[in-house]
Amino acid sequence: SAVVLHAIIGLGKKLTPDKSRLAIALASALFMLL
């Protein structure tokens, strides 16, 4: 759990540096959860 959270934050900083890419990430998470 600690390693995965660390990976999420690291990837998020690198791969979602702006609002448009962050929106894609959040939409992806939403669909995967539902």
PDB file of all heavy atoms in Angstrom:
ATOM      1  N   SER A   1       0.827  -1.210   0.000  1.00  0.00           N
ATOM      2  CA  SER A   1       0.000   0.000   0.000  1.00  0.00           C
ATOM      3  C   SER A   1       0.861   1.259   0.000  1.00  0.00           C
ATOM      4  O   SER A   1       0.570   2.228  -0.710  1.00  0.00           O
ATOM      5  CB  SER A   1      -0.939  -0.009   1.216  1.00  0.00           C
ATOM      6  OG  SER A   1      -0.217   0.140   2.428  1.00  0.00           O
ATOM      7  N   ALA A   2       1.940   1.263   0.782  1.00  0.00           N
ATOM      8  CA  ALA A   2       2.821   2.431   0.826  1.00  0.00           C
ATOM      9  C   ALA A   2       3.544   2.631  -0.499  1.00  0.00           C
ATOM     10  O   ALA A   2       3.673   3.758  -0.998  1.00  0.00           O
ATOM     11  CB  ALA A   2       3.845   2.268   1.964  1.00  0.00           C
ATOM     12  N   VAL A   3       3.997   1.532  -1.102  1.00  0.00           N
ATOM     13  CA  VAL A   3       4.726   1.619  -2.366  1.00  0.00           C
ATOM     14  C   VAL A   3       3.826   2.106  -3.495  1.00  0.00           C
ATOM     15  O   VAL A   3       4.218   2.938  -4.320  1.00  0.00           O
ATOM     16  CB  VAL A   3       5.350   0.248  -2.715  1.00  0.00           C
ATOM     17  CG1 VAL A   3       5.915   0.261  -4.131  1.00  0.00           C
ATOM     18  CG2 VAL A   3       6.450  -0.099  -1.718  1.00  0.00           C
ATOM     19  N   VAL A   4       2.590   1.599  -3.556  1.00  0.00           N
ATOM     20  CA  VAL A   4       1.672   2.002  -4.616  1.00  0.00           C
ATOM     21  C   VAL A   4       1.313   3.483  -4.484  1.00  0.00           C
ATOM     22  O   VAL A   4       1.277   4.220  -5.478  1.00  0.00           O
ATOM     23  CB  VAL A   4       0.402   1.131  -4.611  1.00  0.00           C
ATOM     24  CG1 VAL A   4      -0.646   1.684  -5.574  1.00  0.00           C
ATOM     25  CG2 VAL A   4       0.746  -0.301  -4.995  1.00  0.00           C
ATOM     26  N   LEU A   5       1.054   3.958  -3.265  1.00  0.00           N
ATOM     27  CA  LEU A   5       0.759   5.370  -3.065  1.00  0.00           C
ATOM     28  C   LEU A   5       1.934   6.235  -3.504  1.00  0.00           C
ATOM     29  O   LEU A   5       1.760   7.273  -4.163  1.00  0.00           O
ATOM     30  CB  LEU A   5       0.425   5.641  -1.592  1.00  0.00           C
ATOM     31  CG  LEU A   5       0.131   7.102  -1.242  1.00  0.00           C
ATOM     32  CD1 LEU A   5      -1.032   7.643  -2.074  1.00  0.00           C
ATOM     33  CD2 LEU A   5      -0.159   7.245   0.253  1.00  0.00           C
ATOM     34  N   HIS A   6       3.133   5.809  -3.158  1.00  0.00           N
ATOM     35  CA  HIS A   6       4.329   6.537  -3.570  1.00  0.00           C
ATOM     36  C   HIS A   6       4.442   6.572  -5.097  1.00  0.00           C
ATOM     37  O   HIS A   6       4.789   7.601  -5.694  1.00  0.00           O
ATOM     38  CB  HIS A   6       5.565   5.878  -2.956  1.00  0.00           C
ATOM     39  CG  HIS A   6       6.843   6.587  -3.242  1.00  0.00           C
ATOM     40  ND1 HIS A   6       7.770   6.113  -4.140  1.00  0.00           N
ATOM     41  CD2 HIS A   6       7.350   7.751  -2.778  1.00  0.00           C
ATOM     42  CE1 HIS A   6       8.792   6.947  -4.203  1.00  0.00           C
ATOM     43  NE2 HIS A   6       8.575   7.945  -3.388  1.00  0.00           N
ATOM     44  N   ALA A   7       4.120   5.457  -5.747  1.00  0.00           N
ATOM     45  CA  ALA A   7       4.172   5.392  -7.208  1.00  0.00           C
ATOM     46  C   ALA A   7       3.141   6.318  -7.836  1.00  0.00           C
ATOM     47  O   ALA A   7       3.417   6.982  -8.845  1.00  0.00           O
ATOM     48  CB  ALA A   7       3.939   3.960  -7.676  1.00  0.00           C
ATOM     49  N   ILE A   8       1.938   6.372  -7.249  1.00  0.00           N
ATOM     50  CA  ILE A   8       0.887   7.254  -7.781  1.00  0.00           C
ATOM     51  C   ILE A   8       1.341   8.710  -7.750  1.00  0.00           C
ATOM     52  O   ILE A   8       1.196   9.449  -8.734  1.00  0.00           O
ATOM     53  CB  ILE A   8      -0.411   7.099  -6.971  1.00  0.00           C
ATOM     54  CG1 ILE A   8      -1.024   5.719  -7.186  1.00  0.00           C
ATOM     55  CG2 ILE A   8      -1.426   8.168  -7.360  1.00  0.00           C
ATOM     56  CD1 ILE A   8      -2.176   5.421  -6.256  1.00  0.00           C
ATOM     57  N   ILE A   9       1.886   9.134  -6.633  1.00  0.00           N
ATOM     58  CA  ILE A   9       2.314  10.531  -6.505  1.00  0.00           C
ATOM     59  C   ILE A   9       3.451  10.837  -7.475  1.00  0.00           C
ATOM     60  O   ILE A   9       3.454  11.871  -8.160  1.00  0.00           O
ATOM     61  CB  ILE A   9       2.728  10.822  -5.058  1.00  0.00           C
ATOM     62  CG1 ILE A   9       1.504  10.731  -4.135  1.00  0.00           C
ATOM     63  CG2 ILE A   9       3.377  12.197  -4.943  1.00  0.00           C
ATOM     64  CD1 ILE A   9       1.830  10.858  -2.679  1.00  0.00           C
ATOM     65  N   GLY A  10       4.421   9.924  -7.564  1.00  0.00           N
ATOM     66  CA  GLY A  10       5.537  10.137  -8.476  1.00  0.00           C
ATOM     67  C   GLY A  10       5.095  10.193  -9.929  1.00  0.00           C
ATOM     68  O   GLY A  10       5.504  11.090 -10.683  1.00  0.00           O
ATOM     69  N   LEU A  11       4.238   9.247 -10.329  1.00  0.00           N
ATOM     70  CA  LEU A  11       3.736   9.254 -11.700  1.00  0.00           C
ATOM     71  C   LEU A  11       2.863  10.475 -11.955  1.00  0.00           C
ATOM     72  O   LEU A  11       2.901  11.063 -13.042  1.00  0.00           O
ATOM     73  CB  LEU A  11       2.933   7.975 -11.968  1.00  0.00           C
ATOM     74  CG  LEU A  11       3.731   6.686 -12.171  1.00  0.00           C
ATOM     75  CD1 LEU A  11       2.786   5.492 -12.246  1.00  0.00           C
ATOM     76  CD2 LEU A  11       4.578   6.766 -13.430  1.00  0.00           C
ATOM     77  N   GLY A  12       2.055  10.848 -10.953  1.00  0.00           N
ATOM     78  CA  GLY A  12       1.168  11.997 -11.131  1.00  0.00           C
ATOM     79  C   GLY A  12       1.929  13.278 -11.407  1.00  0.00           C
ATOM     80  O   GLY A  12       1.553  14.066 -12.280  1.00  0.00           O
ATOM     81  N   LYS A  13       3.006  13.504 -10.679  1.00  0.00           N
ATOM     82  CA  LYS A  13       3.817  14.708 -10.895  1.00  0.00           C
ATOM     83  C   LYS A  13       4.415  14.735 -12.295  1.00  0.00           C
ATOM     84  O   LYS A  13       4.501  15.793 -12.936  1.00  0.00           O
ATOM     85  CB  LYS A  13       4.937  14.781  -9.851  1.00  0.00           C
ATOM     86  CG  LYS A  13       4.461  15.128  -8.447  1.00  0.00           C
ATOM     87  CD  LYS A  13       5.645  15.191  -7.493  1.00  0.00           C
ATOM     88  CE  LYS A  13       5.201  15.615  -6.099  1.00  0.00           C
ATOM     89  NZ  LYS A  13       6.349  15.661  -5.153  1.00  0.00           N
ATOM     90  N   LYS A  14       4.808  13.575 -12.771  1.00  0.00           N
ATOM     91  CA  LYS A  14       5.491  13.499 -14.058  1.00  0.00           C
ATOM     92  C   LYS A  14       4.511  13.472 -15.233  1.00  0.00           C
ATOM     93  O   LYS A  14       4.750  14.126 -16.260  1.00  0.00           O
ATOM     94  CB  LYS A  14       6.373  12.248 -14.094  1.00  0.00           C
ATOM     95  CG  LYS A  14       7.131  12.052 -15.390  1.00  0.00           C
ATOM     96  CD  LYS A  14       7.974  10.795 -15.333  1.00  0.00           C
ATOM     97  CE  LYS A  14       8.728  10.572 -16.643  1.00  0.00           C
ATOM     98  NZ  LYS A  14       9.542   9.332 -16.619  1.00  0.00           N
ATOM     99  N   LEU A  15       3.421  12.739 -15.081  1.00  0.00           N
ATOM    100  CA  LEU A  15       2.545  12.459 -16.223  1.00  0.00           C
ATOM    101  C   LEU A  15       1.285  13.312 -16.262  1.00  0.00           C
ATOM    102  O   LEU A  15       0.593  13.342 -17.279  1.00  0.00           O
ATOM    103  CB  LEU A  15       2.155  10.976 -16.225  1.00  0.00           C
ATOM    104  CG  LEU A  15       3.320   9.988 -16.267  1.00  0.00           C
ATOM    105  CD1 LEU A  15       2.797   8.555 -16.265  1.00  0.00           C
ATOM    106  CD2 LEU A  15       4.202  10.227 -17.486  1.00  0.00           C
ATOM    107  N   THR A  16       0.947  13.993 -15.167  1.00  0.00           N
ATOM    108  CA  THR A  16      -0.234  14.875 -15.173  1.00  0.00           C
ATOM    109  C   THR A  16       0.150  16.257 -14.643  1.00  0.00           C
ATOM    110  O   THR A  16      -0.369  16.707 -13.617  1.00  0.00           O
ATOM    111  CB  THR A  16      -1.376  14.276 -14.327  1.00  0.00           C
ATOM    112  OG1 THR A  16      -0.910  14.078 -12.977  1.00  0.00           O
ATOM    113  CG2 THR A  16      -1.842  12.957 -14.888  1.00  0.00           C
ATOM    114  N   PRO A  17       1.026  16.969 -15.343  1.00  0.00           N
ATOM    115  CA  PRO A  17       1.506  18.260 -14.843  1.00  0.00           C
ATOM    116  C   PRO A  17       0.553  19.424 -15.082  1.00  0.00           C
ATOM    117  O   PRO A  17       0.804  20.517 -14.598  1.00  0.00           O
ATOM    118  CB  PRO A  17       2.805  18.459 -15.633  1.00  0.00           C
ATOM    119  CG  PRO A  17       2.543  17.766 -16.932  1.00  0.00           C
ATOM    120  CD  PRO A  17       1.696  16.578 -16.591  1.00  0.00           C
ATOM    121  N   ASP A  18      -0.540  19.201 -15.847  1.00  0.00           N
ATOM    122  CA  ASP A  18      -1.485  20.286 -16.111  1.00  0.00           C
ATOM    123  C   ASP A  18      -2.915  19.783 -15.904  1.00  0.00           C
ATOM    124  O   ASP A  18      -3.157  18.586 -15.707  1.00  0.00           O
ATOM    125  CB  ASP A  18      -1.306  20.831 -17.529  1.00  0.00           C
ATOM    126  CG  ASP A  18      -1.333  19.725 -18.580  1.00  0.00           C
ATOM    127  OD1 ASP A  18      -2.292  18.939 -18.587  1.00  0.00           O
ATOM    128  OD2 ASP A  18      -0.393  19.644 -19.398  1.00  0.00           O
ATOM    129  N   LYS A  19      -3.871  20.707 -15.931  1.00  0.00           N
ATOM    130  CA  LYS A  19      -5.260  20.377 -15.610  1.00  0.00           C
ATOM    131  C   LYS A  19      -5.895  19.428 -16.631  1.00  0.00           C
ATOM    132  O   LYS A  19      -6.717  18.582 -16.261  1.00  0.00           O
ATOM    133  CB  LYS A  19      -6.094  21.656 -15.503  1.00  0.00           C
ATOM    134  CG  LYS A  19      -5.721  22.522 -14.304  1.00  0.00           C
ATOM    135  CD  LYS A  19      -6.585  23.774 -14.234  1.00  0.00           C
ATOM    136  CE  LYS A  19      -6.204  24.627 -13.036  1.00  0.00           C
ATOM    137  NZ  LYS A  19      -7.024  25.870 -12.962  1.00  0.00           N
ATOM    138  N   SER A  20      -5.531  19.548 -17.889  1.00  0.00           N
ATOM    139  CA  SER A  20      -6.142  18.685 -18.905  1.00  0.00           C
ATOM    140  C   SER A  20      -5.730  17.232 -18.705  1.00  0.00           C
ATOM    141  O   SER A  20      -6.577  16.325 -18.771  1.00  0.00           O
ATOM    142  CB  SER A  20      -5.753  19.161 -20.309  1.00  0.00           C
ATOM    143  OG  SER A  20      -4.342  19.218 -20.447  1.00  0.00           O
ATOM    144  N   ARG A  21      -4.456  16.994 -18.433  1.00  0.00           N
ATOM    145  CA  ARG A  21      -4.013  15.620 -18.196  1.00  0.00           C
ATOM    146  C   ARG A  21      -4.494  15.107 -16.843  1.00  0.00           C
ATOM    147  O   ARG A  21      -4.799  13.913 -16.696  1.00  0.00           O
ATOM    148  CB  ARG A  21      -2.489  15.542 -18.299  1.00  0.00           C
ATOM    149  CG  ARG A  21      -2.006  15.464 -19.734  1.00  0.00           C
ATOM    150  CD  ARG A  21      -0.515  15.449 -19.862  1.00  0.00           C
ATOM    151  NE  ARG A  21       0.027  16.810 -19.922  1.00  0.00           N
ATOM    152  CZ  ARG A  21       1.299  17.092 -20.162  1.00  0.00           C
ATOM    153  NH1 ARG A  21       2.173  16.119 -20.351  1.00  0.00           N
ATOM    154  NH2 ARG A  21       1.715  18.352 -20.214  1.00  0.00           N
ATOM    155  N   LEU A  22      -4.609  15.992 -15.867  1.00  0.00           N
ATOM    156  CA  LEU A  22      -5.165  15.591 -14.576  1.00  0.00           C
ATOM    157  C   LEU A  22      -6.627  15.176 -14.739  1.00  0.00           C
ATOM    158  O   LEU A  22      -7.085  14.213 -14.101  1.00  0.00           O
ATOM    159  CB  LEU A  22      -5.041  16.737 -13.580  1.00  0.00           C
ATOM    160  CG  LEU A  22      -5.524  16.464 -12.156  1.00  0.00           C
ATOM    161  CD1 LEU A  22      -4.754  15.309 -11.532  1.00  0.00           C
ATOM    162  CD2 LEU A  22      -5.389  17.708 -11.290  1.00  0.00           C
ATOM    163  N   ALA A  23      -7.358  15.857 -15.605  1.00  0.00           N
ATOM    164  CA  ALA A  23      -8.756  15.505 -15.859  1.00  0.00           C
ATOM    165  C   ALA A  23      -8.868  14.111 -16.471  1.00  0.00           C
ATOM    166  O   ALA A  23      -9.768  13.331 -16.115  1.00  0.00           O
ATOM    167  CB  ALA A  23      -9.398  16.536 -16.782  1.00  0.00           C
ATOM    168  N   ILE A  24      -7.964  13.776 -17.379  1.00  0.00           N
ATOM    169  CA  ILE A  24      -7.956  12.433 -17.965  1.00  0.00           C
ATOM    170  C   ILE A  24      -7.694  11.388 -16.880  1.00  0.00           C
ATOM    171  O   ILE A  24      -8.341  10.336 -16.827  1.00  0.00           O
ATOM    172  CB  ILE A  24      -6.898  12.338 -19.083  1.00  0.00           C
ATOM    173  CG1 ILE A  24      -7.326  13.171 -20.283  1.00  0.00           C
ATOM    174  CG2 ILE A  24      -6.675  10.884 -19.500  1.00  0.00           C
ATOM    175  CD1 ILE A  24      -6.298  13.203 -21.402  1.00  0.00           C
ATOM    176  N   ALA A  25      -6.746  11.689 -15.992  1.00  0.00           N
ATOM    177  CA  ALA A  25      -6.425  10.750 -14.909  1.00  0.00           C
ATOM    178  C   ALA A  25      -7.629  10.542 -13.986  1.00  0.00           C
ATOM    179  O   ALA A  25      -7.960   9.404 -13.625  1.00  0.00           O
ATOM    180  CB  ALA A  25      -5.223  11.265 -14.116  1.00  0.00           C
ATOM    181  N   LEU A  26      -8.290  11.626 -13.610  1.00  0.00           N
ATOM    182  CA  LEU A  26      -9.443  11.508 -12.708  1.00  0.00           C
ATOM    183  C   LEU A  26     -10.601  10.776 -13.378  1.00  0.00           C
ATOM    184  O   LEU A  26     -11.278   9.941 -12.742  1.00  0.00           O
ATOM    185  CB  LEU A  26      -9.879  12.902 -12.255  1.00  0.00           C
ATOM    186  CG  LEU A  26      -8.895  13.640 -11.346  1.00  0.00           C
ATOM    187  CD1 LEU A  26      -9.388  15.053 -11.060  1.00  0.00           C
ATOM    188  CD2 LEU A  26      -8.688  12.873 -10.039  1.00  0.00           C
ATOM    189  N   ALA A  27     -10.847  11.069 -14.657  1.00  0.00           N
ATOM    190  CA  ALA A  27     -11.910  10.367 -15.379  1.00  0.00           C
ATOM    191  C   ALA A  27     -11.585   8.875 -15.491  1.00  0.00           C
ATOM    192  O   ALA A  27     -12.476   8.022 -15.350  1.00  0.00           O
ATOM    193  CB  ALA A  27     -12.093  10.979 -16.770  1.00  0.00           C
ATOM    194  N   SER A  28     -10.319   8.544 -15.724  1.00  0.00           N
ATOM    195  CA  SER A  28      -9.908   7.140 -15.809  1.00  0.00           C
ATOM    196  C   SER A  28     -10.139   6.427 -14.488  1.00  0.00           C
ATOM    197  O   SER A  28     -10.643   5.287 -14.451  1.00  0.00           O
ATOM    198  CB  SER A  28      -8.430   7.057 -16.200  1.00  0.00           C
ATOM    199  OG  SER A  28      -8.199   7.661 -17.448  1.00  0.00           O
ATOM    200  N   ALA A  29      -9.777   7.093 -13.386  1.00  0.00           N
ATOM    201  CA  ALA A  29     -10.001   6.505 -12.073  1.00  0.00           C
ATOM    202  C   ALA A  29     -11.488   6.294 -11.808  1.00  0.00           C
ATOM    203  O   ALA A  29     -11.911   5.247 -11.291  1.00  0.00           O
ATOM    204  CB  ALA A  29      -9.392   7.401 -10.991  1.00  0.00           C
ATOM    205  N   LEU A  30     -12.308   7.280 -12.171  1.00  0.00           N
ATOM    206  CA  LEU A  30     -13.751   7.187 -11.955  1.00  0.00           C
ATOM    207  C   LEU A  30     -14.340   5.989 -12.686  1.00  0.00           C
ATOM    208  O   LEU A  30     -15.090   5.186 -12.097  1.00  0.00           O
ATOM    209  CB  LEU A  30     -14.418   8.479 -12.426  1.00  0.00           C
ATOM    210  CG  LEU A  30     -15.955   8.522 -12.354  1.00  0.00           C
ATOM    211  CD1 LEU A  30     -16.416   8.430 -10.904  1.00  0.00           C
ATOM    212  CD2 LEU A  30     -16.482   9.792 -13.006  1.00  0.00           C
ATOM    213  N   PHE A  31     -14.005   5.841 -13.952  1.00  0.00           N
ATOM    214  CA  PHE A  31     -14.553   4.729 -14.733  1.00  0.00           C
ATOM    215  C   PHE A  31     -14.062   3.377 -14.208  1.00  0.00           C
ATOM    216  O   PHE A  31     -14.819   2.401 -14.171  1.00  0.00           O
ATOM    217  CB  PHE A  31     -14.189   4.886 -16.211  1.00  0.00           C
ATOM    218  CG  PHE A  31     -15.110   5.799 -16.962  1.00  0.00           C
ATOM    219  CD1 PHE A  31     -14.723   7.094 -17.263  1.00  0.00           C
ATOM    220  CD2 PHE A  31     -16.374   5.371 -17.347  1.00  0.00           C
ATOM    221  CE1 PHE A  31     -15.575   7.953 -17.944  1.00  0.00           C
ATOM    222  CE2 PHE A  31     -17.236   6.214 -18.024  1.00  0.00           C
ATOM    223  CZ  PHE A  31     -16.840   7.507 -18.328  1.00  0.00           C
ATOM    224  N   MET A  32     -12.804   3.309 -13.783  1.00  0.00           N
ATOM    225  CA  MET A  32     -12.289   2.047 -13.252  1.00  0.00           C
ATOM    226  C   MET A  32     -12.946   1.675 -11.935  1.00  0.00           C
ATOM    227  O   MET A  32     -13.178   0.495 -11.661  1.00  0.00           O
ATOM    228  CB  MET A  32     -10.776   2.132 -13.065  1.00  0.00           C
ATOM    229  CG  MET A  32      -9.962   1.985 -14.338  1.00  0.00           C
ATOM    230  SD  MET A  32     -10.291   0.468 -15.267  1.00  0.00           S
ATOM    231  CE  MET A  32      -9.918  -0.775 -14.049  1.00  0.00           C
ATOM    232  N   LEU A  33     -13.261   2.675 -11.116  1.00  0.00           N
ATOM    233  CA  LEU A  33     -13.918   2.394  -9.838  1.00  0.00           C
ATOM    234  C   LEU A  33     -15.372   1.955 -10.043  1.00  0.00           C
ATOM    235  O   LEU A  33     -15.876   1.081  -9.332  1.00  0.00           O
ATOM    236  CB  LEU A  33     -13.862   3.629  -8.937  1.00  0.00           C
ATOM    237  CG  LEU A  33     -12.472   3.977  -8.375  1.00  0.00           C
ATOM    238  CD1 LEU A  33     -12.484   5.361  -7.749  1.00  0.00           C
ATOM    239  CD2 LEU A  33     -12.028   2.932  -7.355  1.00  0.00           C
ATOM    240  N   LEU A  34     -16.045   2.550 -11.026  1.00  0.00           N
ATOM    241  CA  LEU A  34     -17.453   2.217 -11.279  1.00  0.00           C
ATOM    242  C   LEU A  34     -17.606   0.946 -12.107  1.00  0.00           C
ATOM    243  O   LEU A  34     -18.570   0.194 -11.921  1.00  0.00           O
ATOM    244  CB  LEU A  34     -18.135   3.390 -11.995  1.00  0.00           C
ATOM    245  CG  LEU A  34     -18.243   4.690 -11.200  1.00  0.00           C
ATOM    246  CD1 LEU A  34     -18.886   5.779 -12.045  1.00  0.00           C
ATOM    247  CD2 LEU A  34     -19.056   4.474  -9.918  1.00  0.00           C
TER     248      LEU A  34
END
